[in-house]
């Protein structure tokens, strides 16, 4: 879905497609299930692993055979699998979990962080990080990098190259955001939109109009529904001039009017309500992404000043190589069939079902013949 055009949603189900819709959120794990075993994906030979790395670095497009009789003997398939596991990361700190960064204090606590109390070391890390960040953006603008992520303890940023997500210009999506961050971006001259918030407002307005139209058609409005519908909603901008009728009556001094601060707080309330919510997603387009780059490099809230993540630069994740990036591979785990694992068949069948733990409490647990049942 194009975040810049949230209204362009088909009203009727679209025809079946062969491609999966793009999901731009980062996942920590993915599960593939198949009736065929995945034994071909394990125990790669050294030559196959090296060939997979070389294909990734050279951006080689691999053409796989249409039908593979013996996947375990297909070198092209095994090399392509290794090629698809590669990604690039900065900063290179293998003893720290660098994703996810939001809510990661507990996992990072107790780890060695020599820069936490060393401001000089923090400046070196941030300087090196700024070079890597700028390198990634230049690759993106040259269309040599399709996308990359910036993950900080407060928010994450997805940069996408022109041509992706239905946009002819580079875009950057930031989530979650706060009113303070959005105001800081405005003060730097960064133009942005809140597409999910706009979509939510449009949907509510449409539902309200449809509901009003139904009531009017059924005669439930009593003849006043149409007049009320045409009346604009009161705006906070008119608060300053909405007390002129008190002056005409001569009682303006006796009636306590809201001061400017109260009016401003009421205006800000609507903005604060979306903080940290999905609707707070900010979309930046075109040349504003370059201004956003400079803003993030100098943004103080990008790096934690206290806690386990203090002084640790944001994580940069990219599918292609960039200056200062280190090659990483996703960890794959192939699970064999479980009938011979030693568990009772009924127990194994229960374990294969969708979990209910966490969704409801267990009131009764009964074990019999190495199998167990429970009641929620």
Protein backbone atom coordinates (compact mmCIF):
# COMPACT_ATOMS: atom_id res chain seq x y z
CA UNK A 1 0.00 0.00 0.00
CA UNK A 2 1.27 3.45 -0.90
CA UNK A 3 1.42 5.42 2.35
CA UNK A 4 1.19 8.67 0.42
CA UNK A 5 -2.15 7.68 -1.12
CA UNK A 6 -4.11 6.05 1.71
CA UNK A 7 -7.41 6.76 -0.02
CA UNK A 8 -6.62 4.64 -3.03
CA UNK A 9 -8.06 1.47 -1.51
CA UNK A 10 -10.15 -0.75 -3.79
CA UNK A 11 -13.74 -1.14 -2.67
CA UNK A 12 -14.08 -4.58 -4.24
CA UNK A 13 -11.76 -7.53 -3.68
CA UNK A 14 -8.91 -7.49 -6.17
CA UNK A 15 -8.28 -10.39 -8.49
CA UNK A 16 -5.91 -13.11 -7.25
CA UNK A 17 -2.23 -12.27 -7.73
CA UNK A 18 0.87 -14.41 -7.78
CA UNK A 19 2.98 -11.89 -5.83
CA UNK A 20 2.75 -11.34 -2.09
CA UNK A 21 2.13 -7.76 -0.89
CA UNK A 22 5.23 -6.09 0.51
CA UNK A 23 5.44 -6.00 4.31
CA UNK A 24 7.95 -3.31 5.25
CA UNK A 25 8.06 -4.13 8.96
CA UNK A 26 11.14 -6.01 10.18
CA UNK A 27 10.58 -9.46 11.61
CA UNK A 28 12.77 -11.27 14.13
CA UNK A 29 11.87 -14.72 12.78
CA UNK A 30 9.95 -16.36 9.96
CA UNK A 31 8.57 -19.90 9.71
CA UNK A 32 8.32 -21.84 6.45
CA UNK A 33 6.21 -25.00 6.36
CA UNK A 34 6.22 -27.55 3.55
CA UNK A 35 5.19 -31.12 2.88
CA UNK A 36 8.72 -31.66 1.55
CA UNK A 37 11.75 -31.75 3.87
CA UNK A 38 14.21 -28.86 4.03
CA UNK A 39 17.28 -31.06 4.27
CA UNK A 40 18.72 -29.39 1.17
CA UNK A 41 19.13 -26.14 3.14
CA UNK A 42 21.48 -27.51 5.79
CA UNK A 43 25.18 -28.40 5.85
CA UNK A 44 26.24 -26.25 2.92
CA UNK A 45 29.65 -26.98 1.49
CA UNK A 46 32.37 -24.36 1.85
CA UNK A 47 32.35 -23.75 -1.90
CA UNK A 48 28.56 -23.30 -1.94
CA UNK A 49 28.71 -20.84 0.94
CA UNK A 50 31.49 -18.85 -0.73
CA UNK A 51 29.61 -18.84 -4.02
CA UNK A 52 26.48 -17.56 -2.25
CA UNK A 53 28.45 -14.69 -0.69
CA UNK A 54 30.02 -13.83 -4.05
CA UNK A 55 26.63 -13.82 -5.78
CA UNK A 56 25.29 -11.46 -3.12
CA UNK A 57 28.20 -9.00 -3.35
CA UNK A 58 27.99 -8.97 -7.14
CA UNK A 59 24.18 -8.62 -7.08
CA UNK A 60 23.94 -11.67 -9.34
CA UNK A 61 20.42 -12.62 -10.36
CA UNK A 62 20.16 -16.38 -9.99
CA UNK A 63 17.97 -18.35 -12.37
CA UNK A 64 16.79 -21.54 -10.70
CA UNK A 65 15.64 -24.61 -12.65
CA UNK A 66 11.88 -25.03 -13.02
CA UNK A 67 11.85 -28.47 -11.44
CA UNK A 68 14.43 -29.94 -9.09
CA UNK A 69 14.35 -33.69 -8.62
CA UNK A 70 17.09 -33.81 -5.97
CA UNK A 71 17.23 -30.44 -4.11
CA UNK A 72 20.12 -31.60 -1.95
CA UNK A 73 22.25 -32.11 -5.06
CA UNK A 74 21.25 -28.81 -6.72
CA UNK A 75 24.19 -26.45 -6.25
CA UNK A 76 22.34 -23.47 -7.77
CA UNK A 77 19.51 -23.83 -5.23
CA UNK A 78 21.82 -24.12 -2.23
CA UNK A 79 23.96 -21.16 -3.33
CA UNK A 80 20.87 -19.02 -3.93
CA UNK A 81 19.65 -19.91 -0.43
CA UNK A 82 22.93 -18.71 1.07
CA UNK A 83 22.77 -15.56 -1.06
CA UNK A 84 19.31 -14.68 0.28
CA UNK A 85 20.44 -14.90 3.93
CA UNK A 86 22.98 -12.06 3.71
CA UNK A 87 22.39 -8.56 5.10
CA UNK A 88 24.61 -5.67 6.22
CA UNK A 89 24.76 -4.12 9.68
CA UNK A 90 26.28 -1.15 11.51
CA UNK A 91 27.66 -0.73 14.16
CA UNK A 92 29.63 -4.01 14.31
CA UNK A 93 29.07 -5.05 17.93
CA UNK A 94 28.51 -8.84 17.85
CA UNK A 95 28.02 -9.19 21.61
CA UNK A 96 25.01 -6.87 21.64
CA UNK A 97 21.50 -7.54 20.27
CA UNK A 98 21.15 -4.60 17.84
CA UNK A 99 17.57 -5.32 16.80
CA UNK A 100 14.97 -4.59 17.95
CA UNK A 101 16.18 -1.44 19.70
CA UNK A 102 12.82 -0.29 21.06
CA UNK A 103 12.37 -1.91 24.46
CA UNK A 104 15.76 -3.67 24.30
CA UNK A 105 17.13 -2.30 27.58
CA UNK A 106 16.60 -5.58 29.43
CA UNK A 107 18.52 -7.60 26.81
CA UNK A 108 21.40 -5.12 26.66
CA UNK A 109 21.63 -4.59 30.44
CA UNK A 110 24.73 -6.23 31.89
CA UNK A 111 26.57 -6.32 28.55
CA UNK A 112 29.94 -4.65 28.17
CA UNK A 113 29.39 -1.07 26.97
CA UNK A 114 32.73 0.77 27.37
CA UNK A 115 31.35 3.90 25.67
CA UNK A 116 28.62 4.44 28.27
CA UNK A 117 30.81 6.70 30.45
CA UNK A 118 33.30 7.77 27.78
CA UNK A 119 32.14 10.83 25.85
CA UNK A 120 35.18 10.77 23.56
CA UNK A 121 34.39 7.21 22.52
CA UNK A 122 30.74 8.15 21.98
CA UNK A 123 31.80 10.92 19.61
CA UNK A 124 33.98 8.49 17.65
CA UNK A 125 31.10 6.02 17.36
CA UNK A 126 28.67 8.72 16.23
CA UNK A 127 31.14 10.12 13.71
CA UNK A 128 31.65 6.67 12.23
CA UNK A 129 27.89 6.09 12.26
CA UNK A 130 27.23 9.38 10.44
CA UNK A 131 29.62 8.33 7.65
CA UNK A 132 27.82 4.99 7.27
CA UNK A 133 24.39 6.66 7.35
CA UNK A 134 25.40 9.16 4.68
CA UNK A 135 26.88 6.37 2.56
CA UNK A 136 23.61 4.46 2.69
CA UNK A 137 21.59 7.52 1.72
CA UNK A 138 23.87 8.23 -1.25
CA UNK A 139 23.46 4.63 -2.42
CA UNK A 140 19.70 4.97 -2.04
CA UNK A 141 19.56 8.21 -4.01
CA UNK A 142 21.68 6.62 -6.77
CA UNK A 143 19.24 3.67 -6.79
CA UNK A 144 22.02 1.28 -5.84
CA UNK A 145 20.28 0.48 -2.54
CA UNK A 146 16.52 -0.20 -2.62
CA UNK A 147 15.87 0.48 1.07
CA UNK A 148 17.47 0.56 4.49
CA UNK A 149 16.42 0.92 8.13
CA UNK A 150 17.54 3.18 10.96
CA UNK A 151 16.56 1.67 14.32
CA UNK A 152 16.89 3.81 17.45
CA UNK A 153 15.59 3.24 21.00
CA UNK A 154 12.77 5.75 20.36
CA UNK A 155 11.66 5.14 16.77
CA UNK A 156 12.55 3.42 13.50
CA UNK A 157 13.00 4.97 10.05
CA UNK A 158 12.52 3.20 6.72
CA UNK A 159 14.20 4.87 3.74
CA UNK A 160 12.99 3.69 0.32
CA UNK A 161 14.42 4.52 -3.09
CA UNK A 162 12.44 6.18 -5.86
CA UNK A 163 10.30 3.68 -7.71
CA UNK A 164 9.27 1.68 -4.63
CA UNK A 165 5.82 1.70 -3.02
CA UNK A 166 4.34 3.58 -5.98
CA UNK A 167 6.47 6.68 -5.38
CA UNK A 168 8.59 8.38 -8.04
CA UNK A 169 10.77 10.05 -5.39
CA UNK A 170 12.66 8.74 -2.35
CA UNK A 171 10.56 8.36 0.78
CA UNK A 172 11.19 7.94 4.49
CA UNK A 173 8.66 6.55 6.98
CA UNK A 174 9.16 7.21 10.70
CA UNK A 175 7.26 5.40 13.46
CA UNK A 176 6.33 5.79 16.19
CA UNK A 177 6.59 9.54 16.61
CA UNK A 178 5.72 12.09 19.27
CA UNK A 179 4.50 15.65 19.06
CA UNK A 180 7.94 16.85 20.18
CA UNK A 181 9.67 15.03 17.34
CA UNK A 182 7.17 16.30 14.78
CA UNK A 183 7.55 19.88 16.02
CA UNK A 184 11.34 19.57 15.81
CA UNK A 185 11.02 18.35 12.22
CA UNK A 186 8.74 21.27 11.35
CA UNK A 187 11.19 23.74 12.86
CA UNK A 188 13.90 22.33 10.56
CA UNK A 189 11.67 22.91 7.55
CA UNK A 190 10.94 19.22 6.91
CA UNK A 191 7.60 18.77 5.19
CA UNK A 192 5.78 15.55 6.04
CA UNK A 193 2.35 13.96 6.23
CA UNK A 194 0.54 11.62 8.61
CA UNK A 195 -1.02 9.23 6.08
CA UNK A 196 -2.45 6.72 8.55
CA UNK A 197 -4.04 9.49 10.62
CA UNK A 198 -5.50 11.08 7.49
CA UNK A 199 -6.83 7.71 6.39
CA UNK A 200 -8.41 7.13 9.80
CA UNK A 201 -10.09 10.55 9.75
CA UNK A 202 -11.38 10.01 6.21
CA UNK A 203 -12.75 6.60 7.14
CA UNK A 204 -14.52 7.98 10.21
CA UNK A 205 -15.95 10.86 8.21
CA UNK A 206 -17.18 8.49 5.52
CA UNK A 207 -18.79 6.19 8.08
CA UNK A 208 -20.42 9.19 9.73
CA UNK A 209 -21.80 10.43 6.41
CA UNK A 210 -23.11 6.98 5.53
CA UNK A 211 -24.75 6.68 8.95
CA UNK A 212 -26.29 10.14 8.61
CA UNK A 213 -27.52 9.33 5.12
CA UNK A 214 -29.17 6.16 6.37
CA UNK A 215 -30.93 8.01 9.17
CA UNK A 216 -32.12 10.70 6.78
CA UNK A 217 -33.44 8.13 4.33
CA UNK A 218 -35.31 6.34 7.11
CA UNK A 219 -36.82 9.58 8.34
CA UNK A 220 -35.02 9.36 11.67
CA UNK A 221 -33.43 12.77 11.33
CA UNK A 222 -36.70 14.63 11.86
CA UNK A 223 -35.81 17.05 9.04
CA UNK A 224 -32.86 18.50 10.91
CA UNK A 225 -30.21 15.97 9.95
CA UNK A 226 -29.38 17.61 6.63
CA UNK A 227 -29.04 21.04 8.17
CA UNK A 228 -26.79 19.69 10.91
CA UNK A 229 -24.67 17.86 8.35
CA UNK A 230 -24.01 21.04 6.44
CA UNK A 231 -22.86 22.89 9.50
CA UNK A 232 -19.09 22.80 9.91
CA UNK A 233 -17.63 21.43 13.09
CA UNK A 234 -16.49 24.06 15.56
CA UNK A 235 -12.83 24.89 15.16
CA UNK A 236 -10.35 25.86 17.82
CA UNK A 237 -9.14 28.64 15.55
CA UNK A 238 -12.39 30.51 16.08
CA UNK A 239 -12.15 30.49 19.88
CA UNK A 240 -10.60 33.95 20.04
CA UNK A 241 -13.47 35.58 18.18
CA UNK A 242 -16.34 33.48 19.48
CA UNK A 243 -17.04 35.73 22.46
CA UNK A 244 -18.08 38.84 20.52
CA UNK A 245 -21.71 38.23 21.49
CA UNK A 246 -20.73 38.71 25.15
CA UNK A 247 -19.49 42.19 24.35
CA UNK A 248 -22.78 43.04 22.68
CA UNK A 249 -24.59 42.03 25.87
CA UNK A 250 -22.11 43.96 28.03
CA UNK A 251 -21.23 41.00 30.24
CA UNK A 252 -17.84 40.16 28.79
CA UNK A 253 -16.08 41.11 32.04
CA UNK A 254 -18.32 38.94 34.24
CA UNK A 255 -17.86 35.77 32.18
CA UNK A 256 -14.52 33.97 32.52
CA UNK A 257 -13.11 33.35 29.09
CA UNK A 258 -10.45 30.72 28.37
CA UNK A 259 -7.04 32.28 28.08
CA UNK A 260 -4.66 31.77 25.20
CA UNK A 261 -2.79 29.01 27.03
CA UNK A 262 -5.99 26.98 27.54
CA UNK A 263 -6.88 27.32 23.88
CA UNK A 264 -3.38 26.25 22.86
CA UNK A 265 -3.47 23.24 25.18
CA UNK A 266 -6.76 22.15 23.66
CA UNK A 267 -5.23 22.35 20.20
CA UNK A 268 -2.20 20.36 21.27
CA UNK A 269 -4.33 17.67 22.91
CA UNK A 270 -5.39 16.27 19.55
CA UNK A 271 -1.76 15.98 18.42
CA UNK A 272 -0.59 14.31 21.63
CA UNK A 273 -3.36 11.69 21.45
CA UNK A 274 -1.69 9.96 18.48
CA UNK A 275 1.77 9.83 20.07
CA UNK A 276 3.35 6.34 20.03
CA UNK A 277 0.34 4.98 18.11
CA UNK A 278 0.37 3.52 14.58
CA UNK A 279 -1.38 6.68 13.39
CA UNK A 280 1.69 8.70 14.40
CA UNK A 281 3.62 7.35 11.39
CA UNK A 282 5.27 10.21 9.52
CA UNK A 283 5.98 10.10 5.77
CA UNK A 284 8.69 12.31 4.24
CA UNK A 285 9.05 12.58 0.47
CA UNK A 286 11.52 13.83 -2.13
CA UNK A 287 14.20 16.36 -1.24
CA UNK A 288 12.88 16.52 2.32
CA UNK A 289 14.52 13.13 2.91
CA UNK A 290 17.94 14.81 2.57
CA UNK A 291 16.92 17.41 5.16
CA UNK A 292 15.75 14.53 7.33
CA UNK A 293 19.18 12.92 6.97
CA UNK A 294 20.91 16.00 8.38
CA UNK A 295 18.23 16.34 11.06
CA UNK A 296 18.73 12.75 12.27
CA UNK A 297 22.51 13.09 12.35
CA UNK A 298 22.20 16.04 14.75
CA UNK A 299 19.06 14.80 16.57
CA UNK A 300 19.76 14.41 20.29
CA UNK A 301 16.86 12.02 20.91
CA UNK A 302 18.31 9.57 18.37
CA UNK A 303 20.76 8.27 20.99
CA UNK A 304 19.82 7.40 24.56
CA UNK A 305 21.55 9.52 27.20
CA UNK A 306 20.84 7.12 30.08
CA UNK A 307 20.19 3.45 30.60
CA UNK A 308 21.77 0.36 29.02
CA UNK A 309 21.64 1.89 25.52
CA UNK A 310 23.31 5.17 26.51
CA UNK A 311 25.71 6.39 23.85
CA UNK A 312 24.95 3.50 21.48
CA UNK A 313 24.33 4.73 17.90
CA UNK A 314 21.19 3.57 16.07
CA UNK A 315 21.29 0.32 14.13
CA UNK A 316 21.62 0.51 10.35
CA UNK A 317 20.22 -2.46 8.40
CA UNK A 318 20.64 -2.78 4.64
CA UNK A 319 20.33 -5.51 1.98
CA UNK A 320 23.44 -4.17 0.18
CA UNK A 321 26.98 -3.31 1.21
CA UNK A 322 27.77 0.20 2.44
CA UNK A 323 30.69 2.04 3.99
CA UNK A 324 31.31 0.81 7.53
CA UNK A 325 28.77 -2.00 7.22
CA UNK A 326 29.58 -5.59 8.21
CA UNK A 327 28.24 -8.65 6.43
CA UNK A 328 25.85 -10.73 8.52
CA UNK A 329 23.77 -13.81 7.76
CA UNK A 330 20.38 -14.78 9.05
CA UNK A 331 20.47 -17.86 11.23
CA UNK A 332 18.52 -20.74 9.74
CA UNK A 333 17.28 -23.70 11.76
CA UNK A 334 15.94 -26.79 10.00
CA UNK A 335 13.52 -28.82 12.10
CA UNK A 336 13.21 -32.52 11.32
CA UNK A 337 10.05 -34.57 11.63
CA UNK A 338 9.04 -35.12 15.26
CA UNK A 339 7.37 -38.58 15.46
CA UNK A 340 10.62 -40.10 16.75
CA UNK A 341 11.27 -37.42 19.37
CA UNK A 342 10.05 -39.61 22.24
CA UNK A 343 6.80 -37.80 23.07
CA UNK A 344 3.43 -39.52 23.15
CA UNK A 345 1.60 -39.06 19.80
CA UNK A 346 -1.34 -37.31 21.50
CA UNK A 347 1.01 -34.96 23.33
CA UNK A 348 2.80 -34.21 20.06
CA UNK A 349 -0.53 -33.48 18.40
CA UNK A 350 -1.49 -31.06 21.16
CA UNK A 351 1.86 -29.29 20.97
CA UNK A 352 1.41 -28.78 17.24
CA UNK A 353 -1.80 -26.80 17.75
CA UNK A 354 -1.94 -23.00 18.04
CA UNK A 355 -0.92 -22.02 21.59
CA UNK A 356 -3.48 -20.81 24.07
CA UNK A 357 -1.04 -19.83 26.80
CA UNK A 358 -1.18 -16.11 27.39
CA UNK A 359 -4.64 -15.89 25.86
CA UNK A 360 -6.45 -17.67 28.69
CA UNK A 361 -5.47 -19.15 32.03
CA UNK A 362 -5.33 -22.91 32.63
CA UNK A 363 -7.68 -24.00 35.42
CA UNK A 364 -7.14 -27.76 35.22
CA UNK A 365 -4.19 -29.79 33.92
CA UNK A 366 -4.52 -33.59 33.78
CA UNK A 367 -1.77 -36.05 32.82
CA UNK A 368 -2.46 -39.66 31.82
CA UNK A 369 -0.32 -42.18 29.95
CA UNK A 370 2.39 -39.62 29.17
CA UNK A 371 -0.22 -37.30 27.64
CA UNK A 372 -1.91 -34.29 29.16
CA UNK A 373 -5.09 -32.30 28.66
CA UNK A 374 -6.19 -29.01 30.13
CA UNK A 375 -9.26 -26.87 30.60
CA UNK A 376 -9.16 -23.11 30.31
